[in-house]
Amino acid sequence: KAKKTSSIVLQIIEAMLRCNIPQMECIKMMNLFLRSDIYATLDILSFDRRNKKAYLSKAASAPTYLYRNKQLYEMSAHSLPIGIVDYVSAEVFEIQYQKGDIFIMCSDGVEKEEIEKWMGLRRCTNIKNEGLNLMNILKEKKRKDDSTILMAKID
């Protein structure tokens, strides 16, 4: 049920964003749409390449990490999932991004210690290989929960 809900939410939000509806408006509309027995965590990362800014909106989602200059920064949300109450205030982070930044979004099955281990082993400049390296670290441990990662590198 969660996978189906997530897929529907993703399709609708992507369509709204493509129509240039502001990110927070998309979240408000999605919250009203879901208001029933269905709810969803939310994690949206978008980029304004003209102004070199990233916008991260979070509602009850796992932490998102920014790897910059060999440092790891954690961005967490303490708000409710969308669809539970009439008005959800997603937490929004505005980040002035820099060349070389790597954003790491992950599900709650990924532990911060695993990302820190990846930082210590980081050798590649290719983001695809970096993702594979992190996935190999995740495979070292038997899991009870899914472990999904998404990485975006600023070049």
Protein backbone atom coordinates (compact mmCIF):
# COMPACT_ATOMS: atom_id res chain seq x y z
CA LYS A 1 0.00 0.00 0.00
CA ALA A 2 2.83 2.41 0.88
CA LYS A 3 4.60 1.75 -2.42
CA LYS A 4 1.42 2.41 -4.41
CA THR A 5 0.71 5.63 -2.47
CA SER A 6 4.30 6.79 -2.93
CA SER A 7 4.15 6.15 -6.67
CA ILE A 8 0.90 8.11 -7.07
CA VAL A 9 2.19 11.03 -4.96
CA LEU A 10 5.40 11.14 -6.99
CA GLN A 11 3.57 11.19 -10.33
CA ILE A 12 1.21 13.96 -9.27
CA ILE A 13 3.90 16.16 -7.71
CA GLU A 14 6.18 15.73 -10.73
CA ALA A 15 3.33 16.81 -13.02
CA MET A 16 2.61 19.88 -10.87
CA LEU A 17 6.29 20.87 -10.74
CA ARG A 18 6.56 20.54 -14.54
CA CYS A 19 3.67 23.02 -14.75
CA ASN A 20 5.79 25.47 -12.70
CA ILE A 21 3.57 25.27 -9.64
CA PRO A 22 5.71 26.38 -6.66
CA GLN A 23 7.02 23.53 -4.53
CA MET A 24 5.15 24.53 -1.35
CA GLU A 25 1.87 24.86 -3.29
CA CYS A 26 2.39 21.32 -4.64
CA ILE A 27 2.81 20.05 -1.09
CA LYS A 28 -0.32 21.87 0.14
CA MET A 29 -2.40 20.49 -2.74
CA MET A 30 -1.03 16.97 -2.25
CA ASN A 31 -1.84 17.15 1.46
CA LEU A 32 -5.45 18.09 0.71
CA PHE A 33 -5.68 15.36 -1.92
CA LEU A 34 -4.50 12.69 0.52
CA ARG A 35 -6.70 13.80 3.45
CA SER A 36 -8.26 10.47 4.31
CA ASP A 37 -6.82 7.22 5.60
CA ILE A 38 -3.79 7.67 3.36
CA TYR A 39 -0.68 9.59 4.29
CA ALA A 40 2.89 9.84 3.00
CA THR A 41 6.28 11.11 4.01
CA LEU A 42 7.69 13.64 1.60
CA ASP A 43 11.17 14.57 0.43
CA ILE A 44 11.54 16.94 -2.53
CA LEU A 45 14.85 18.34 -3.76
CA SER A 46 14.78 20.85 -6.60
CA PHE A 47 17.43 23.07 -8.12
CA ASP A 48 17.41 26.68 -9.34
CA ARG A 49 20.44 26.60 -11.63
CA ARG A 50 20.23 30.31 -12.43
CA ASN A 51 20.68 31.32 -8.77
CA LYS A 52 22.69 28.23 -7.73
CA LYS A 53 20.19 27.30 -5.04
CA ALA A 54 18.69 24.01 -3.97
CA TYR A 55 15.32 23.76 -2.24
CA LEU A 56 14.68 20.79 0.00
CA SER A 57 11.15 20.24 1.33
CA LYS A 58 10.65 17.57 3.97
CA ALA A 59 7.63 16.17 5.81
CA ALA A 60 8.29 13.30 8.24
CA SER A 61 11.04 11.91 6.03
CA ALA A 62 14.43 10.42 6.81
CA PRO A 63 17.35 12.88 7.00
CA THR A 64 18.91 14.26 3.84
CA TYR A 65 22.66 14.79 3.83
CA LEU A 66 24.88 17.30 2.11
CA TYR A 67 28.49 16.22 1.60
CA ARG A 68 30.60 19.37 1.10
CA ASN A 69 34.36 19.80 1.43
CA LYS A 70 34.75 16.46 3.25
CA GLN A 71 32.06 17.45 5.80
CA LEU A 72 28.63 15.89 6.22
CA TYR A 73 25.64 18.13 7.01
CA GLU A 74 22.32 16.63 8.08
CA MET A 75 18.92 18.15 7.31
CA SER A 76 16.02 16.63 9.22
CA ALA A 77 12.29 17.28 9.38
CA HIS A 78 10.10 17.14 12.44
CA SER A 79 6.77 17.78 10.74
CA LEU A 80 3.90 15.34 10.27
CA PRO A 81 3.46 13.30 7.07
CA ILE A 82 1.21 14.81 4.42
CA GLY A 83 -2.41 13.65 4.44
CA ILE A 84 -2.85 13.40 8.22
CA VAL A 85 -4.16 16.87 9.08
CA ASP A 86 -5.73 19.66 7.03
CA TYR A 87 -2.60 21.78 6.99
CA VAL A 88 0.91 20.36 6.99
CA SER A 89 3.85 22.69 7.23
CA ALA A 90 6.70 20.94 5.46
CA GLU A 91 10.13 22.09 6.51
CA VAL A 92 11.99 23.88 3.72
CA PHE A 93 15.74 24.28 3.44
CA GLU A 94 17.23 26.78 0.99
CA ILE A 95 20.83 25.86 0.20
CA GLN A 96 23.30 27.91 -1.80
CA TYR A 97 25.02 25.02 -3.53
CA GLN A 98 28.66 24.82 -4.57
CA LYS A 99 30.57 22.88 -7.17
CA GLY A 100 31.37 19.43 -5.82
CA ASP A 101 28.42 19.27 -3.38
CA ILE A 102 26.75 15.87 -3.14
CA PHE A 103 23.17 15.63 -1.88
CA ILE A 104 22.26 12.22 -0.44
CA MET A 105 18.60 11.40 0.05
CA CYS A 106 17.81 8.05 1.63
CA SER A 107 15.08 5.99 3.17
CA ASP A 108 14.95 5.30 6.90
CA GLY A 109 16.66 1.94 6.32
CA VAL A 110 19.98 3.74 5.73
CA GLU A 111 22.03 4.65 8.80
CA LYS A 112 24.18 7.76 9.15
CA GLU A 113 27.14 5.56 10.11
CA GLU A 114 26.94 3.90 6.68
CA ILE A 115 27.13 7.25 4.94
CA GLU A 116 30.06 8.23 7.16
CA LYS A 117 31.81 4.99 6.19
CA TRP A 118 31.26 5.87 2.51
CA MET A 119 32.83 9.29 3.18
CA GLY A 120 35.98 7.61 4.50
CA LEU A 121 36.24 5.36 1.44
CA ARG A 122 35.29 7.99 -1.14
CA ARG A 123 37.68 7.78 -4.09
CA CYS A 124 35.73 8.45 -7.31
CA THR A 125 34.63 11.63 -9.00
CA ASN A 126 31.87 9.87 -10.96
CA ILE A 127 28.56 10.08 -9.05
CA LYS A 128 27.32 6.78 -10.49
CA ASN A 129 30.35 4.97 -9.04
CA GLU A 130 29.91 6.84 -5.75
CA GLY A 131 26.34 5.54 -5.58
CA LEU A 132 27.54 2.01 -6.30
CA ASN A 133 30.18 2.34 -3.56
CA LEU A 134 27.52 3.38 -1.04
CA MET A 135 25.24 0.54 -2.17
CA ASN A 136 28.09 -1.94 -1.58
CA ILE A 137 28.42 -0.63 1.98
CA LEU A 138 24.68 -1.06 2.48
CA LYS A 139 24.93 -4.69 1.29
CA GLU A 140 27.34 -5.52 4.13
CA LYS A 141 24.50 -5.61 6.66
CA LYS A 142 21.38 -7.79 6.73
CA ARG A 143 18.36 -5.47 6.62
CA LYS A 144 14.86 -5.56 8.00
CA ASP A 145 13.85 -2.40 6.13
CA ASP A 146 14.40 -1.24 2.57
CA SER A 147 17.44 0.91 1.88
CA THR A 148 16.98 3.39 -0.91
CA ILE A 149 19.47 6.11 -1.84
CA LEU A 150 19.46 8.98 -4.30
CA MET A 151 22.62 11.02 -4.90
CA ALA A 152 22.94 14.28 -6.82
CA LYS A 153 26.32 15.88 -7.48
CA ILE A 154 26.79 19.51 -8.45
CA ASP A 155 29.32 19.84 -11.29
